[in-house]
Amino acid sequence: DCFPQLFYLVAAAVFSLGPGAILVRFGLDEPLLRTAGIAIGFMLSFPIIVLSQLEIGSPFGLVSFRIVQSLIKCPFSWLVFYIETGILIAICALVAYFAEHTHILFTFLFTPLFVMSILLYGRLLGRLGWVLAHRMEVEAD
């Protein structure tokens, strides 16, 4: 019953790897920089692609003009979302680094934090979509 909605997220995740991979092709030779380039490209493009898919109504819709237009008309909402997401990712990266360099048991202890982070990211993305829909609707009237 929920697999059609899951396909939206899987397709968005696959399509979001593209900008990071293109960024890496332009000369990042060190593996850590490649990983960071792909992660940054993914972080920046995933919300745009997911919201575009939902606005278009198709999992194969990559970019919606209305979502790109909202980047210009509602920059503060996007900026707050990216700051909140960056803080969330930084906390998870710090915890993952700590878990990697300490005992393996910490990996199991921090698993609920990662699950909570995924749920919080979905909540933030949903709130961004709601705010954009409300603001773009008001401006259309």
C-alpha atoms as a PDB file:
ATOM      1  CA  ASP A   1       0.000   0.000   0.000  1.00  0.00           C
ATOM      2  CA  CYS A   2       2.853   2.435   0.727  1.00  0.00           C
ATOM      3  CA  PHE A   3       5.208   1.192  -1.996  1.00  0.00           C
ATOM      4  CA  PRO A   4       4.075   3.710  -4.656  1.00  0.00           C
ATOM      5  CA  GLN A   5       4.945   6.582  -2.281  1.00  0.00           C
ATOM      6  CA  LEU A   6       8.251   4.901  -1.446  1.00  0.00           C
ATOM      7  CA  PHE A   7       9.112   4.881  -5.155  1.00  0.00           C
ATOM      8  CA  TYR A   8       8.998   8.702  -5.128  1.00  0.00           C
ATOM      9  CA  LEU A   9      11.718   8.796  -2.460  1.00  0.00           C
ATOM     10  CA  VAL A  10      13.861   6.115  -4.093  1.00  0.00           C
ATOM     11  CA  ALA A  11      13.674   7.831  -7.479  1.00  0.00           C
ATOM     12  CA  ALA A  12      14.440  11.215  -5.891  1.00  0.00           C
ATOM     13  CA  ALA A  13      17.438   9.740  -4.055  1.00  0.00           C
ATOM     14  CA  VAL A  14      18.817   8.229  -7.262  1.00  0.00           C
ATOM     15  CA  PHE A  15      18.262  11.421  -9.259  1.00  0.00           C
ATOM     16  CA  SER A  16      19.798  13.524  -6.464  1.00  0.00           C
ATOM     17  CA  LEU A  17      23.101  11.709  -6.778  1.00  0.00           C
ATOM     18  CA  GLY A  18      23.544  13.225 -10.251  1.00  0.00           C
ATOM     19  CA  PRO A  19      24.494  16.806  -9.293  1.00  0.00           C
ATOM     20  CA  GLY A  20      27.052  15.547  -6.774  1.00  0.00           C
ATOM     21  CA  ALA A  21      28.521  13.146  -9.306  1.00  0.00           C
ATOM     22  CA  ILE A  22      28.796  15.944 -11.858  1.00  0.00           C
ATOM     23  CA  LEU A  23      30.485  18.110  -9.237  1.00  0.00           C
ATOM     24  CA  VAL A  24      32.998  15.335  -8.518  1.00  0.00           C
ATOM     25  CA  ARG A  25      33.822  14.904 -12.210  1.00  0.00           C
ATOM     26  CA  PHE A  26      35.273  18.422 -12.302  1.00  0.00           C
ATOM     27  CA  GLY A  27      38.511  17.498 -10.618  1.00  0.00           C
ATOM     28  CA  LEU A  28      38.032  16.329  -7.065  1.00  0.00           C
ATOM     29  CA  ASP A  29      40.695  13.645  -6.764  1.00  0.00           C
ATOM     30  CA  GLU A  30      40.847  13.008  -3.028  1.00  0.00           C
ATOM     31  CA  PRO A  31      38.316  10.371  -1.835  1.00  0.00           C
ATOM     32  CA  LEU A  32      37.188  12.453   1.133  1.00  0.00           C
ATOM     33  CA  LEU A  33      36.505  15.452  -1.121  1.00  0.00           C
ATOM     34  CA  ARG A  34      34.619  13.217  -3.553  1.00  0.00           C
ATOM     35  CA  THR A  35      32.413  11.940  -0.753  1.00  0.00           C
ATOM     36  CA  ALA A  36      31.818  15.467   0.514  1.00  0.00           C
ATOM     37  CA  GLY A  37      31.012  16.691  -3.020  1.00  0.00           C
ATOM     38  CA  ILE A  38      28.451  13.969  -3.574  1.00  0.00           C
ATOM     39  CA  ALA A  39      26.928  14.560  -0.126  1.00  0.00           C
ATOM     40  CA  ILE A  40      26.658  18.315  -0.674  1.00  0.00           C
ATOM     41  CA  GLY A  41      25.154  17.824  -4.142  1.00  0.00           C
ATOM     42  CA  PHE A  42      22.673  15.348  -2.690  1.00  0.00           C
ATOM     43  CA  MET A  43      21.776  17.617   0.222  1.00  0.00           C
ATOM     44  CA  LEU A  44      21.128  20.575  -2.064  1.00  0.00           C
ATOM     45  CA  SER A  45      19.207  18.769  -4.798  1.00  0.00           C
ATOM     46  CA  PHE A  46      17.143  16.173  -2.899  1.00  0.00           C
ATOM     47  CA  PRO A  47      14.519  18.570  -1.478  1.00  0.00           C
ATOM     48  CA  ILE A  48      14.122  20.330  -4.825  1.00  0.00           C
ATOM     49  CA  ILE A  49      13.595  17.033  -6.638  1.00  0.00           C
ATOM     50  CA  VAL A  50      11.185  15.593  -4.036  1.00  0.00           C
ATOM     51  CA  LEU A  51       9.058  18.728  -3.931  1.00  0.00           C
ATOM     52  CA  SER A  52       9.107  18.899  -7.735  1.00  0.00           C
ATOM     53  CA  GLN A  53       7.922  15.291  -7.955  1.00  0.00           C
ATOM     54  CA  LEU A  54       5.080  15.989  -5.558  1.00  0.00           C
ATOM     55  CA  GLU A  55       4.101  19.190  -7.352  1.00  0.00           C
ATOM     56  CA  ILE A  56       4.179  17.536 -10.792  1.00  0.00           C
ATOM     57  CA  GLY A  57       2.548  14.333  -9.537  1.00  0.00           C
ATOM     58  CA  SER A  58       5.070  11.958 -11.113  1.00  0.00           C
ATOM     59  CA  PRO A  59       8.141  10.245  -9.672  1.00  0.00           C
ATOM     60  CA  PHE A  60       9.963  11.003 -12.921  1.00  0.00           C
ATOM     61  CA  GLY A  61       9.445  14.758 -12.705  1.00  0.00           C
ATOM     62  CA  LEU A  62      12.867  16.107 -11.872  1.00  0.00           C
ATOM     63  CA  VAL A  63      12.450  19.864 -11.724  1.00  0.00           C
ATOM     64  CA  SER A  64       9.268  21.871 -11.459  1.00  0.00           C
ATOM     65  CA  PHE A  65       9.315  25.489 -12.604  1.00  0.00           C
ATOM     66  CA  ARG A  66       7.175  26.429  -9.623  1.00  0.00           C
ATOM     67  CA  ILE A  67       9.675  24.919  -7.144  1.00  0.00           C
ATOM     68  CA  VAL A  68      12.600  26.646  -8.857  1.00  0.00           C
ATOM     69  CA  GLN A  69      10.585  29.859  -8.785  1.00  0.00           C
ATOM     70  CA  SER A  70      10.072  29.398  -5.037  1.00  0.00           C
ATOM     71  CA  LEU A  71      13.865  29.444  -4.592  1.00  0.00           C
ATOM     72  CA  ILE A  72      13.754  33.048  -5.802  1.00  0.00           C
ATOM     73  CA  LYS A  73      10.461  34.132  -4.230  1.00  0.00           C
ATOM     74  CA  CYS A  74      10.968  32.457  -0.822  1.00  0.00           C
ATOM     75  CA  PRO A  75      14.729  32.402  -0.227  1.00  0.00           C
ATOM     76  CA  PHE A  76      14.417  32.776   3.547  1.00  0.00           C
ATOM     77  CA  SER A  77      12.332  29.592   3.844  1.00  0.00           C
ATOM     78  CA  TRP A  78      14.857  27.647   1.792  1.00  0.00           C
ATOM     79  CA  LEU A  79      17.779  29.117   3.739  1.00  0.00           C
ATOM     80  CA  VAL A  80      16.245  28.181   7.099  1.00  0.00           C
ATOM     81  CA  PHE A  81      15.556  24.663   5.810  1.00  0.00           C
ATOM     82  CA  TYR A  82      19.137  24.228   4.602  1.00  0.00           C
ATOM     83  CA  ILE A  83      20.559  25.588   7.877  1.00  0.00           C
ATOM     84  CA  GLU A  84      18.384  23.230   9.933  1.00  0.00           C
ATOM     85  CA  THR A  85      19.318  20.324   7.682  1.00  0.00           C
ATOM     86  CA  GLY A  86      23.005  21.220   7.858  1.00  0.00           C
ATOM     87  CA  ILE A  87      22.917  21.241  11.657  1.00  0.00           C
ATOM     88  CA  LEU A  88      21.133  17.882  11.668  1.00  0.00           C
ATOM     89  CA  ILE A  89      23.674  16.365   9.283  1.00  0.00           C
ATOM     90  CA  ALA A  90      26.576  17.820  11.278  1.00  0.00           C
ATOM     91  CA  ILE A  91      25.270  16.254  14.484  1.00  0.00           C
ATOM     92  CA  CYS A  92      24.849  12.881  12.763  1.00  0.00           C
ATOM     93  CA  ALA A  93      28.322  13.114  11.198  1.00  0.00           C
ATOM     94  CA  LEU A  94      29.885  13.955  14.555  1.00  0.00           C
ATOM     95  CA  VAL A  95      28.116  11.046  16.233  1.00  0.00           C
ATOM     96  CA  ALA A  96      29.112   8.699  13.397  1.00  0.00           C
ATOM     97  CA  TYR A  97      32.732   9.824  13.686  1.00  0.00           C
ATOM     98  CA  PHE A  98      32.615   9.281  17.450  1.00  0.00           C
ATOM     99  CA  ALA A  99      31.018   5.850  17.030  1.00  0.00           C
ATOM    100  CA  GLU A 100      33.627   4.841  14.449  1.00  0.00           C
ATOM    101  CA  HIS A 101      36.550   5.750  16.670  1.00  0.00           C
ATOM    102  CA  THR A 102      35.236   4.210  19.876  1.00  0.00           C
ATOM    103  CA  HIS A 103      33.727   0.870  20.774  1.00  0.00           C
ATOM    104  CA  ILE A 104      31.374  -0.845  18.303  1.00  0.00           C
ATOM    105  CA  LEU A 105      28.672  -0.874  20.980  1.00  0.00           C
ATOM    106  CA  PHE A 106      28.164   2.868  20.480  1.00  0.00           C
ATOM    107  CA  THR A 107      26.950   2.155  16.959  1.00  0.00           C
ATOM    108  CA  PHE A 108      23.952   0.334  18.408  1.00  0.00           C
ATOM    109  CA  LEU A 109      23.366   3.005  21.024  1.00  0.00           C
ATOM    110  CA  PHE A 110      23.288   5.800  18.433  1.00  0.00           C
ATOM    111  CA  THR A 111      20.986   4.023  15.970  1.00  0.00           C
ATOM    112  CA  PRO A 112      17.859   5.661  17.458  1.00  0.00           C
ATOM    113  CA  LEU A 113      19.474   9.064  16.873  1.00  0.00           C
ATOM    114  CA  PHE A 114      19.890   8.320  13.165  1.00  0.00           C
ATOM    115  CA  VAL A 115      16.307   7.061  12.863  1.00  0.00           C
ATOM    116  CA  MET A 116      15.068  10.155  14.676  1.00  0.00           C
ATOM    117  CA  SER A 117      17.148  12.318  12.320  1.00  0.00           C
ATOM    118  CA  ILE A 118      15.529  10.744   9.265  1.00  0.00           C
ATOM    119  CA  LEU A 119      12.074  11.359  10.721  1.00  0.00           C
ATOM    120  CA  LEU A 120      12.989  14.937  11.635  1.00  0.00           C
ATOM    121  CA  TYR A 121      14.344  15.558   8.124  1.00  0.00           C
ATOM    122  CA  GLY A 122      11.047  14.336   6.665  1.00  0.00           C
ATOM    123  CA  ARG A 123       9.195  16.657   9.024  1.00  0.00           C
ATOM    124  CA  LEU A 124      11.364  19.625   8.007  1.00  0.00           C
ATOM    125  CA  LEU A 125      10.895  18.848   4.315  1.00  0.00           C
ATOM    126  CA  GLY A 126       7.138  18.531   4.775  1.00  0.00           C
ATOM    127  CA  ARG A 127       7.028  21.834   6.633  1.00  0.00           C
ATOM    128  CA  LEU A 128       9.033  23.492   3.853  1.00  0.00           C
ATOM    129  CA  GLY A 129       6.600  22.119   1.272  1.00  0.00           C
ATOM    130  CA  TRP A 130       3.651  23.385   3.288  1.00  0.00           C
ATOM    131  CA  VAL A 131       5.169  26.873   3.682  1.00  0.00           C
ATOM    132  CA  LEU A 132       6.024  27.081  -0.018  1.00  0.00           C
ATOM    133  CA  ALA A 133       2.553  25.925  -1.046  1.00  0.00           C
ATOM    134  CA  HIS A 134       0.964  28.505   1.223  1.00  0.00           C
ATOM    135  CA  ARG A 135       3.197  31.384   0.105  1.00  0.00           C
ATOM    136  CA  MET A 136       3.040  30.556  -3.585  1.00  0.00           C
ATOM    137  CA  GLU A 137      -0.746  30.213  -3.350  1.00  0.00           C
ATOM    138  CA  VAL A 138      -1.058  33.626  -1.680  1.00  0.00           C
ATOM    139  CA  GLU A 139       1.147  35.225  -4.353  1.00  0.00           C
ATOM    140  CA  ALA A 140      -0.912  33.588  -7.135  1.00  0.00           C
ATOM    141  CA  ASP A 141      -4.130  35.190  -5.854  1.00  0.00           C
END
